[in-house]
Structure formats: structure tokens, C-alpha cells
PDB file of N, CA and C in Angstrom:
ATOM      1  N   MET A   1     -71.208 -58.147 -82.846  1.00  0.00           N
ATOM      2  CA  MET A   1     -71.589 -59.174 -83.286  1.00  0.00           C
ATOM      3  C   MET A   1     -70.500 -59.916 -84.228  1.00  0.00           C
ATOM      4  N   PHE A   2     -70.408 -60.887 -84.166  1.00  0.00           N
ATOM      5  CA  PHE A   2     -69.459 -62.006 -84.773  1.00  0.00           C
ATOM      6  C   PHE A   2     -70.030 -62.830 -85.797  1.00  0.00           C
ATOM      7  N   TYR A   3     -69.464 -63.234 -86.960  1.00  0.00           N
ATOM      8  CA  TYR A   3     -70.037 -64.022 -87.848  1.00  0.00           C
ATOM      9  C   TYR A   3     -69.064 -65.295 -88.294  1.00  0.00           C
ATOM     10  N   ALA A   4     -69.787 -66.358 -88.364  1.00  0.00           N
ATOM     11  CA  ALA A   4     -69.004 -67.444 -89.248  1.00  0.00           C
ATOM     12  C   ALA A   4     -69.776 -67.452 -90.693  1.00  0.00           C
ATOM     13  N   TYR A   5     -69.118 -67.590 -91.601  1.00  0.00           N
ATOM     14  CA  TYR A   5     -69.648 -67.635 -93.140  1.00  0.00           C
ATOM     15  C   TYR A   5     -69.180 -68.714 -93.843  1.00  0.00           C
ATOM     16  N   ILE A   6     -70.004 -68.862 -94.854  1.00  0.00           N
ATOM     17  CA  ILE A   6     -69.619 -69.773 -96.087  1.00  0.00           C
ATOM     18  C   ILE A   6     -69.563 -68.919 -97.281  1.00  0.00           C
ATOM     19  N   ILE A   7     -68.598 -68.968 -97.930  1.00  0.00           N
ATOM     20  CA  ILE A   7     -68.524 -68.230 -99.465  1.00  0.00           C
ATOM     21  C   ILE A   7     -68.411 -69.525-100.530  1.00  0.00           C
ATOM     22  N   ARG A   8     -68.894 -69.129-101.717  1.00  0.00           N
ATOM     23  CA  ARG A   8     -68.672 -70.260-103.009  1.00  0.00           C
ATOM     24  C   ARG A   8     -67.830 -69.346-103.983  1.00  0.00           C
ATOM     25  N   SER A   9     -66.907 -70.159-104.664  1.00  0.00           N
ATOM     26  CA  SER A   9     -66.286 -69.347-105.613  1.00  0.00           C
ATOM     27  C   SER A   9     -67.295 -69.206-106.996  1.00  0.00           C
ATOM     28  N   GLU A  10     -67.385 -68.276-107.619  1.00  0.00           N
ATOM     29  CA  GLU A  10     -68.613 -67.961-108.770  1.00  0.00           C
ATOM     30  C   GLU A  10     -67.517 -68.539-109.833  1.00  0.00           C
ATOM     31  N   MET A  11     -66.281 -68.910-109.942  1.00  0.00           N
ATOM     32  CA  MET A  11     -65.324 -69.118-111.135  1.00  0.00           C
ATOM     33  C   MET A  11     -65.411 -70.737-110.858  1.00  0.00           C
ATOM     34  N   ASP A  12     -65.436 -71.496-109.777  1.00  0.00           N
ATOM     35  CA  ASP A  12     -65.759 -72.890-109.443  1.00  0.00           C
ATOM     36  C   ASP A  12     -66.366 -73.433-108.632  1.00  0.00           C
ATOM     37  N   TYR A  13     -67.486 -73.777-109.092  1.00  0.00           N
ATOM     38  CA  TYR A  13     -68.917 -73.973-108.137  1.00  0.00           C
ATOM     39  C   TYR A  13     -68.599 -74.959-106.890  1.00  0.00           C
ATOM     40  N   SER A  14     -67.469 -75.849-107.038  1.00  0.00           N
ATOM     41  CA  SER A  14     -67.249 -76.917-106.540  1.00  0.00           C
ATOM     42  C   SER A  14     -66.281 -76.332-105.282  1.00  0.00           C
ATOM     43  N   LYS A  15     -65.878 -74.877-105.120  1.00  0.00           N
ATOM     44  CA  LYS A  15     -64.945 -74.424-104.084  1.00  0.00           C
ATOM     45  C   LYS A  15     -65.804 -73.606-102.778  1.00  0.00           C
ATOM     46  N   PHE A  16     -65.573 -73.990-101.814  1.00  0.00           N
ATOM     47  CA  PHE A  16     -66.341 -73.100-100.661  1.00  0.00           C
ATOM     48  C   PHE A  16     -65.001 -72.689-100.040  1.00  0.00           C
ATOM     49  N   TYR A  17     -65.345 -71.697 -98.980  1.00  0.00           N
ATOM     50  CA  TYR A  17     -64.458 -71.054 -98.003  1.00  0.00           C
ATOM     51  C   TYR A  17     -65.337 -71.022 -96.691  1.00  0.00           C
ATOM     52  N   TYR A  18     -64.737 -71.463 -95.570  1.00  0.00           N
ATOM     53  CA  TYR A  18     -65.364 -71.452 -94.371  1.00  0.00           C
ATOM     54  C   TYR A  18     -64.650 -70.442 -93.555  1.00  0.00           C
ATOM     55  N   GLY A  19     -65.369 -69.342 -92.930  1.00  0.00           N
ATOM     56  CA  GLY A  19     -64.370 -68.306 -92.469  1.00  0.00           C
ATOM     57  C   GLY A  19     -65.006 -67.520 -91.114  1.00  0.00           C
ATOM     58  N   SER A  20     -64.744 -66.734 -90.371  1.00  0.00           N
ATOM     59  CA  SER A  20     -65.197 -66.019 -89.319  1.00  0.00           C
ATOM     60  C   SER A  20     -64.826 -64.333 -89.327  1.00  0.00           C
ATOM     61  N   THR A  21     -65.590 -63.730 -88.758  1.00  0.00           N
ATOM     62  CA  THR A  21     -65.232 -62.256 -88.937  1.00  0.00           C
ATOM     63  C   THR A  21     -65.908 -61.371 -88.053  1.00  0.00           C
ATOM     64  N   ASP A  22     -65.717 -60.043 -87.769  1.00  0.00           N
ATOM     65  CA  ASP A  22     -66.610 -59.118 -86.868  1.00  0.00           C
ATOM     66  C   ASP A  22     -67.090 -58.369 -87.894  1.00  0.00           C
ATOM     67  N   ASN A  23     -66.773 -58.050 -89.218  1.00  0.00           N
ATOM     68  CA  ASN A  23     -67.186 -57.290 -90.278  1.00  0.00           C
ATOM     69  C   ASN A  23     -67.433 -58.099 -91.543  1.00  0.00           C
ATOM     70  N   LEU A  24     -68.580 -58.527 -91.733  1.00  0.00           N
ATOM     71  CA  LEU A  24     -68.780 -59.495 -92.942  1.00  0.00           C
ATOM     72  C   LEU A  24     -68.711 -58.867 -94.340  1.00  0.00           C
ATOM     73  N   ARG A  25     -68.960 -57.549 -94.395  1.00  0.00           N
ATOM     74  CA  ARG A  25     -69.282 -56.817 -95.706  1.00  0.00           C
ATOM     75  C   ARG A  25     -67.853 -56.554 -96.164  1.00  0.00           C
ATOM     76  N   ARG A  26     -66.846 -56.185 -95.065  1.00  0.00           N
ATOM     77  CA  ARG A  26     -65.360 -55.865 -95.481  1.00  0.00           C
ATOM     78  C   ARG A  26     -64.698 -57.212 -95.839  1.00  0.00           C
ATOM     79  N   ARG A  27     -65.128 -58.312 -95.077  1.00  0.00           N
ATOM     80  CA  ARG A  27     -64.629 -59.469 -95.416  1.00  0.00           C
ATOM     81  C   ARG A  27     -64.352 -59.971 -96.655  1.00  0.00           C
ATOM     82  N   ILE A  28     -65.841 -60.041 -97.165  1.00  0.00           N
ATOM     83  CA  ILE A  28     -66.184 -60.350 -98.449  1.00  0.00           C
ATOM     84  C   ILE A  28     -65.558 -59.484 -99.652  1.00  0.00           C
ATOM     85  N   ARG A  29     -65.533 -58.068 -99.247  1.00  0.00           N
ATOM     86  CA  ARG A  29     -64.798 -57.165 -99.995  1.00  0.00           C
ATOM     87  C   ARG A  29     -63.287 -57.713-100.174  1.00  0.00           C
ATOM     88  N   ASP A  30     -62.683 -58.146 -99.081  1.00  0.00           N
ATOM     89  CA  ASP A  30     -61.221 -58.693 -99.008  1.00  0.00           C
ATOM     90  C   ASP A  30     -61.061 -59.804 -99.742  1.00  0.00           C
ATOM     91  N   HIS A  31     -62.036 -60.744 -99.853  1.00  0.00           N
ATOM     92  CA  HIS A  31     -62.033 -62.281-100.366  1.00  0.00           C
ATOM     93  C   HIS A  31     -61.757 -61.705-102.086  1.00  0.00           C
ATOM     94  N   ASN A  32     -62.930 -61.119-102.192  1.00  0.00           N
ATOM     95  CA  ASN A  32     -62.985 -60.534-103.665  1.00  0.00           C
ATOM     96  C   ASN A  32     -62.025 -59.641-104.379  1.00  0.00           C
ATOM     97  N   SER A  33     -61.238 -58.923-103.353  1.00  0.00           N
ATOM     98  CA  SER A  33     -60.341 -58.033-104.076  1.00  0.00           C
ATOM     99  C   SER A  33     -59.059 -58.570-104.044  1.00  0.00           C
ATOM    100  N   GLY A  34     -58.908 -60.109-103.274  1.00  0.00           N
ATOM    101  CA  GLY A  34     -57.393 -60.815-103.809  1.00  0.00           C
ATOM    102  C   GLY A  34     -56.581 -60.588-102.353  1.00  0.00           C
ATOM    103  N   LYS A  35     -57.125 -60.116-101.281  1.00  0.00           N
ATOM    104  CA  LYS A  35     -56.507 -59.952-100.162  1.00  0.00           C
ATOM    105  C   LYS A  35     -56.030 -61.093 -99.356  1.00  0.00           C
ATOM    106  N   ASN A  36     -57.217 -62.022 -99.622  1.00  0.00           N
ATOM    107  CA  ASN A  36     -56.810 -63.476 -98.788  1.00  0.00           C
ATOM    108  C   ASN A  36     -56.300 -64.460-100.043  1.00  0.00           C
ATOM    109  N   LEU A  37     -55.024 -64.929 -99.545  1.00  0.00           N
ATOM    110  CA  LEU A  37     -54.158 -65.776-100.359  1.00  0.00           C
ATOM    111  C   LEU A  37     -54.698 -66.876-100.633  1.00  0.00           C
ATOM    112  N   THR A  38     -55.709 -67.287 -99.729  1.00  0.00           N
ATOM    113  CA  THR A  38     -56.301 -68.920-100.091  1.00  0.00           C
ATOM    114  C   THR A  38     -57.135 -68.641-100.928  1.00  0.00           C
ATOM    115  N   THR A  39     -57.898 -67.541-101.224  1.00  0.00           N
ATOM    116  CA  THR A  39     -58.970 -67.460-102.054  1.00  0.00           C
ATOM    117  C   THR A  39     -58.701 -66.699-103.206  1.00  0.00           C
ATOM    118  N   LYS A  40     -57.764 -65.848-103.361  1.00  0.00           N
ATOM    119  CA  LYS A  40     -57.615 -65.003-104.438  1.00  0.00           C
ATOM    120  C   LYS A  40     -57.401 -65.510-106.049  1.00  0.00           C
ATOM    121  N   ASP A  41     -56.975 -66.704-105.918  1.00  0.00           N
ATOM    122  CA  ASP A  41     -57.123 -67.369-107.244  1.00  0.00           C
ATOM    123  C   ASP A  41     -58.516 -68.051-107.906  1.00  0.00           C
ATOM    124  N   SER A  42     -59.463 -67.986-106.877  1.00  0.00           N
ATOM    125  CA  SER A  42     -60.744 -68.623-107.301  1.00  0.00           C
ATOM    126  C   SER A  42     -61.963 -67.329-107.129  1.00  0.00           C
ATOM    127  N   LYS A  43     -61.552 -66.021-107.340  1.00  0.00           N
ATOM    128  CA  LYS A  43     -62.604 -65.143-107.040  1.00  0.00           C
ATOM    129  C   LYS A  43     -63.353 -64.854-108.317  1.00  0.00           C
ATOM    130  N   PRO A  44     -64.275 -64.512-108.665  1.00  0.00           N
ATOM    131  CA  PRO A  44     -65.210 -63.819-107.242  1.00  0.00           C
ATOM    132  C   PRO A  44     -65.925 -64.875-106.813  1.00  0.00           C
ATOM    133  N   TRP A  45     -66.027 -64.317-105.426  1.00  0.00           N
ATOM    134  CA  TRP A  45     -66.930 -65.123-104.302  1.00  0.00           C
ATOM    135  C   TRP A  45     -68.190 -64.671-103.940  1.00  0.00           C
ATOM    136  N   LYS A  46     -69.033 -65.431-103.587  1.00  0.00           N
ATOM    137  CA  LYS A  46     -70.489 -65.090-103.428  1.00  0.00           C
ATOM    138  C   LYS A  46     -70.822 -65.663-102.035  1.00  0.00           C
ATOM    139  N   LEU A  47     -71.357 -64.798-100.961  1.00  0.00           N
ATOM    140  CA  LEU A  47     -71.876 -65.130 -99.812  1.00  0.00           C
ATOM    141  C   LEU A  47     -73.150 -66.142 -99.771  1.00  0.00           C
ATOM    142  N   ILE A  48     -73.119 -67.086 -99.256  1.00  0.00           N
ATOM    143  CA  ILE A  48     -74.063 -68.179 -99.405  1.00  0.00           C
ATOM    144  C   ILE A  48     -74.570 -68.588 -97.902  1.00  0.00           C
ATOM    145  N   TRP A  49     -74.079 -68.423 -96.789  1.00  0.00           N
ATOM    146  CA  TRP A  49     -74.622 -68.519 -95.568  1.00  0.00           C
ATOM    147  C   TRP A  49     -73.682 -67.838 -94.501  1.00  0.00           C
ATOM    148  N   TYR A  50     -74.435 -67.070 -93.606  1.00  0.00           N
ATOM    149  CA  TYR A  50     -73.878 -66.528 -92.384  1.00  0.00           C
ATOM    150  C   TYR A  50     -74.689 -66.820 -91.123  1.00  0.00           C
ATOM    151  N   GLY A  51     -73.734 -66.933 -89.949  1.00  0.00           N
ATOM    152  CA  GLY A  51     -74.644 -67.003 -88.688  1.00  0.00           C
ATOM    153  C   GLY A  51     -73.813 -65.914 -87.852  1.00  0.00           C
ATOM    154  N   GLY A  52     -74.839 -65.568 -87.077  1.00  0.00           N
ATOM    155  CA  GLY A  52     -74.400 -64.553 -85.992  1.00  0.00           C
ATOM    156  C   GLY A  52     -74.108 -64.882 -84.608  1.00  0.00           C
ATOM    157  N   PHE A  53     -72.894 -64.571 -83.963  1.00  0.00           N
ATOM    158  CA  PHE A  53     -72.631 -65.197 -82.806  1.00  0.00           C
ATOM    159  C   PHE A  53     -72.363 -63.986 -81.975  1.00  0.00           C
ATOM    160  N   ALA A  54     -72.750 -63.959 -80.614  1.00  0.00           N
ATOM    161  CA  ALA A  54     -72.319 -63.198 -79.491  1.00  0.00           C
ATOM    162  C   ALA A  54     -71.130 -62.926 -79.235  1.00  0.00           C
ATOM    163  N   ASN A  55     -69.897 -63.688 -79.354  1.00  0.00           N
ATOM    164  CA  ASN A  55     -68.856 -63.538 -79.222  1.00  0.00           C
ATOM    165  C   ASN A  55     -67.690 -64.030 -80.151  1.00  0.00           C
ATOM    166  N   GLU A  56     -66.555 -63.610 -80.207  1.00  0.00           N
ATOM    167  CA  GLU A  56     -65.512 -64.086 -81.347  1.00  0.00           C
ATOM    168  C   GLU A  56     -65.250 -65.524 -81.105  1.00  0.00           C
ATOM    169  N   GLY A  57     -65.233 -66.082 -79.711  1.00  0.00           N
ATOM    170  CA  GLY A  57     -64.648 -66.997 -79.712  1.00  0.00           C
ATOM    171  C   GLY A  57     -65.858 -68.242 -80.070  1.00  0.00           C
ATOM    172  N   GLU A  58     -67.201 -67.996 -80.125  1.00  0.00           N
ATOM    173  CA  GLU A  58     -68.057 -68.796 -80.559  1.00  0.00           C
ATOM    174  C   GLU A  58     -67.985 -68.992 -81.914  1.00  0.00           C
ATOM    175  N   ALA A  59     -67.665 -67.891 -82.879  1.00  0.00           N
ATOM    176  CA  ALA A  59     -67.820 -67.584 -84.262  1.00  0.00           C
ATOM    177  C   ALA A  59     -66.769 -68.471 -84.577  1.00  0.00           C
ATOM    178  N   ARG A  60     -65.261 -68.432 -84.022  1.00  0.00           N
ATOM    179  CA  ARG A  60     -64.301 -69.216 -84.475  1.00  0.00           C
ATOM    180  C   ARG A  60     -64.276 -70.726 -84.148  1.00  0.00           C
ATOM    181  N   GLU A  61     -65.068 -71.189 -82.887  1.00  0.00           N
ATOM    182  CA  GLU A  61     -65.134 -72.339 -82.926  1.00  0.00           C
ATOM    183  C   GLU A  61     -66.329 -73.007 -84.058  1.00  0.00           C
ATOM    184  N   PHE A  62     -67.242 -72.346 -84.473  1.00  0.00           N
ATOM    185  CA  PHE A  62     -68.207 -72.815 -85.415  1.00  0.00           C
ATOM    186  C   PHE A  62     -67.432 -72.959 -86.601  1.00  0.00           C
ATOM    187  N   GLU A  63     -66.634 -71.896 -86.759  1.00  0.00           N
ATOM    188  CA  GLU A  63     -65.458 -71.743 -88.092  1.00  0.00           C
ATOM    189  C   GLU A  63     -64.809 -72.992 -88.278  1.00  0.00           C
ATOM    190  N   ARG A  64     -64.174 -73.357 -87.148  1.00  0.00           N
ATOM    191  CA  ARG A  64     -63.292 -74.625 -86.745  1.00  0.00           C
ATOM    192  C   ARG A  64     -64.071 -76.048 -87.101  1.00  0.00           C
ATOM    193  N   TYR A  65     -65.350 -75.722 -86.596  1.00  0.00           N
ATOM    194  CA  TYR A  65     -66.096 -76.913 -86.797  1.00  0.00           C
ATOM    195  C   TYR A  65     -66.299 -77.325 -88.388  1.00  0.00           C
ATOM    196  N   LEU A  66     -66.873 -76.245 -89.030  1.00  0.00           N
ATOM    197  CA  LEU A  66     -67.327 -76.324 -90.676  1.00  0.00           C
ATOM    198  C   LEU A  66     -66.052 -76.795 -91.379  1.00  0.00           C
ATOM    199  N   LYS A  67     -64.892 -76.652 -90.902  1.00  0.00           N
ATOM    200  CA  LYS A  67     -63.806 -77.227 -91.536  1.00  0.00           C
ATOM    201  C   LYS A  67     -63.345 -78.574 -91.473  1.00  0.00           C
ATOM    202  N   THR A  68     -64.074 -79.207 -90.575  1.00  0.00           N
ATOM    203  CA  THR A  68     -63.833 -80.537 -90.506  1.00  0.00           C
ATOM    204  C   THR A  68     -64.977 -81.421 -91.152  1.00  0.00           C
ATOM    205  N   ALA A  69     -64.571 -82.764 -91.224  1.00  0.00           N
ATOM    206  CA  ALA A  69     -65.317 -83.521 -92.292  1.00  0.00           C
ATOM    207  C   ALA A  69     -66.840 -83.718 -91.858  1.00  0.00           C
ATOM    208  N   SER A  70     -66.898 -83.675 -90.783  1.00  0.00           N
ATOM    209  CA  SER A  70     -68.207 -83.796 -90.075  1.00  0.00           C
ATOM    210  C   SER A  70     -69.031 -82.431 -90.374  1.00  0.00           C
ATOM    211  N   GLY A  71     -68.385 -81.422 -89.975  1.00  0.00           N
ATOM    212  CA  GLY A  71     -68.624 -79.831 -90.303  1.00  0.00           C
ATOM    213  C   GLY A  71     -69.025 -79.741 -91.829  1.00  0.00           C
ATOM    214  N   LYS A  72     -68.316 -80.108 -92.676  1.00  0.00           N
ATOM    215  CA  LYS A  72     -68.685 -79.902 -93.805  1.00  0.00           C
ATOM    216  C   LYS A  72     -69.824 -80.627 -94.439  1.00  0.00           C
ATOM    217  N   ALA A  73     -69.942 -81.903 -93.984  1.00  0.00           N
ATOM    218  CA  ALA A  73     -71.318 -82.600 -94.177  1.00  0.00           C
ATOM    219  C   ALA A  73     -72.421 -81.835 -93.548  1.00  0.00           C
ATOM    220  N   PHE A  74     -72.564 -81.296 -92.195  1.00  0.00           N
ATOM    221  CA  PHE A  74     -73.277 -80.701 -91.686  1.00  0.00           C
ATOM    222  C   PHE A  74     -73.889 -79.550 -92.618  1.00  0.00           C
ATOM    223  N   ALA A  75     -72.738 -78.763 -93.225  1.00  0.00           N
ATOM    224  CA  ALA A  75     -73.173 -77.787 -93.896  1.00  0.00           C
ATOM    225  C   ALA A  75     -73.808 -78.076 -95.176  1.00  0.00           C
ATOM    226  N   ARG A  76     -73.335 -79.062 -95.804  1.00  0.00           N
ATOM    227  CA  ARG A  76     -73.838 -79.301 -97.250  1.00  0.00           C
ATOM    228  C   ARG A  76     -75.330 -79.858 -96.959  1.00  0.00           C
ATOM    229  N   LYS A  77     -75.540 -80.497 -95.881  1.00  0.00           N
ATOM    230  CA  LYS A  77     -77.023 -81.052 -95.775  1.00  0.00           C
ATOM    231  C   LYS A  77     -77.962 -79.941 -94.971  1.00  0.00           C
ATOM    232  N   ARG A  78     -77.405 -79.025 -94.133  1.00  0.00           N
ATOM    233  CA  ARG A  78     -78.268 -78.336 -93.427  1.00  0.00           C
ATOM    234  C   ARG A  78     -78.249 -76.555 -93.816  1.00  0.00           C
ATOM    235  N   LEU A  79     -76.954 -76.230 -94.266  1.00  0.00           N
ATOM    236  CA  LEU A  79     -76.888 -74.849 -94.361  1.00  0.00           C
ATOM    237  C   LEU A  79     -76.998 -74.379 -95.722  1.00  0.00           C
ATOM    238  N   ILE A  80     -76.396 -75.248 -96.681  1.00  0.00           N
ATOM    239  CA  ILE A  80     -76.129 -74.991 -98.364  1.00  0.00           C
ATOM    240  C   ILE A  80     -76.609 -75.841 -99.218  1.00  0.00           C
ATOM    241  N   SER A  81     -77.435 -76.672 -98.598  1.00  0.00           N
ATOM    242  CA  SER A  81     -78.148 -77.983 -99.605  1.00  0.00           C
ATOM    243  C   SER A  81     -78.446 -77.089-100.977  1.00  0.00           C
ATOM    244  N   ASP A  82     -79.034 -76.058-101.055  1.00  0.00           N
ATOM    245  CA  ASP A  82     -79.709 -75.532-102.431  1.00  0.00           C
ATOM    246  C   ASP A  82     -78.419 -75.343-103.315  1.00  0.00           C
ATOM    247  N   PHE A  83     -77.001 -75.031-102.813  1.00  0.00           N
ATOM    248  CA  PHE A  83     -76.015 -74.738-103.258  1.00  0.00           C
ATOM    249  C   PHE A  83     -75.306 -75.620-103.923  1.00  0.00           C
ATOM    250  N   VAL A  84     -75.170 -77.106-103.481  1.00  0.00           N
ATOM    251  CA  VAL A  84     -74.360 -77.930-103.898  1.00  0.00           C
ATOM    252  C   VAL A  84     -75.131 -78.974-104.782  1.00  0.00           C
TER     253      VAL A  84
END
């Protein structure tokens, strides 16, 4: 199973990160331990949404979509509306 996910900074609630992985627990631990250069300055991070995909390509494709302007608008309206 592969996952696309959205995390939010507990330090700055306006910061979100969109990613994909095959091991969600390990990836969240990596974000919170500072192993990801993009997210290390805004830790700790909290997982607020994830979706499962049958293969890595689909998960990465959805991650790329979430990082676009229309993907962010979709995420705000449909996936994380309780958090924004």
C-alpha cells in the first residue's frame, strides 16, 4: 500500500505539507525528527489526512496534484476543511 498524506505544523497552523510514502508511520517520524529539510524548521507536525493507493505511481500523482493551486483548493474544501 502507498499513501498520499497531508500534515500540518503544530508550531504554525498555516503551514501544510503534502507528501507520499509507502510507510506512513516512519515518514511522520522522519518529519518530526528533522530528517526532512523542508519541514524541519516547523516541527512538530500532525497527520491530518491520508489516502491509500494501490501503487506508488498513483500516490505520487495525487501528491503532485495536491501541490498545485487547484489541488490545494480541493484539499482545503474536501479533505482538511476542519483544519483550516
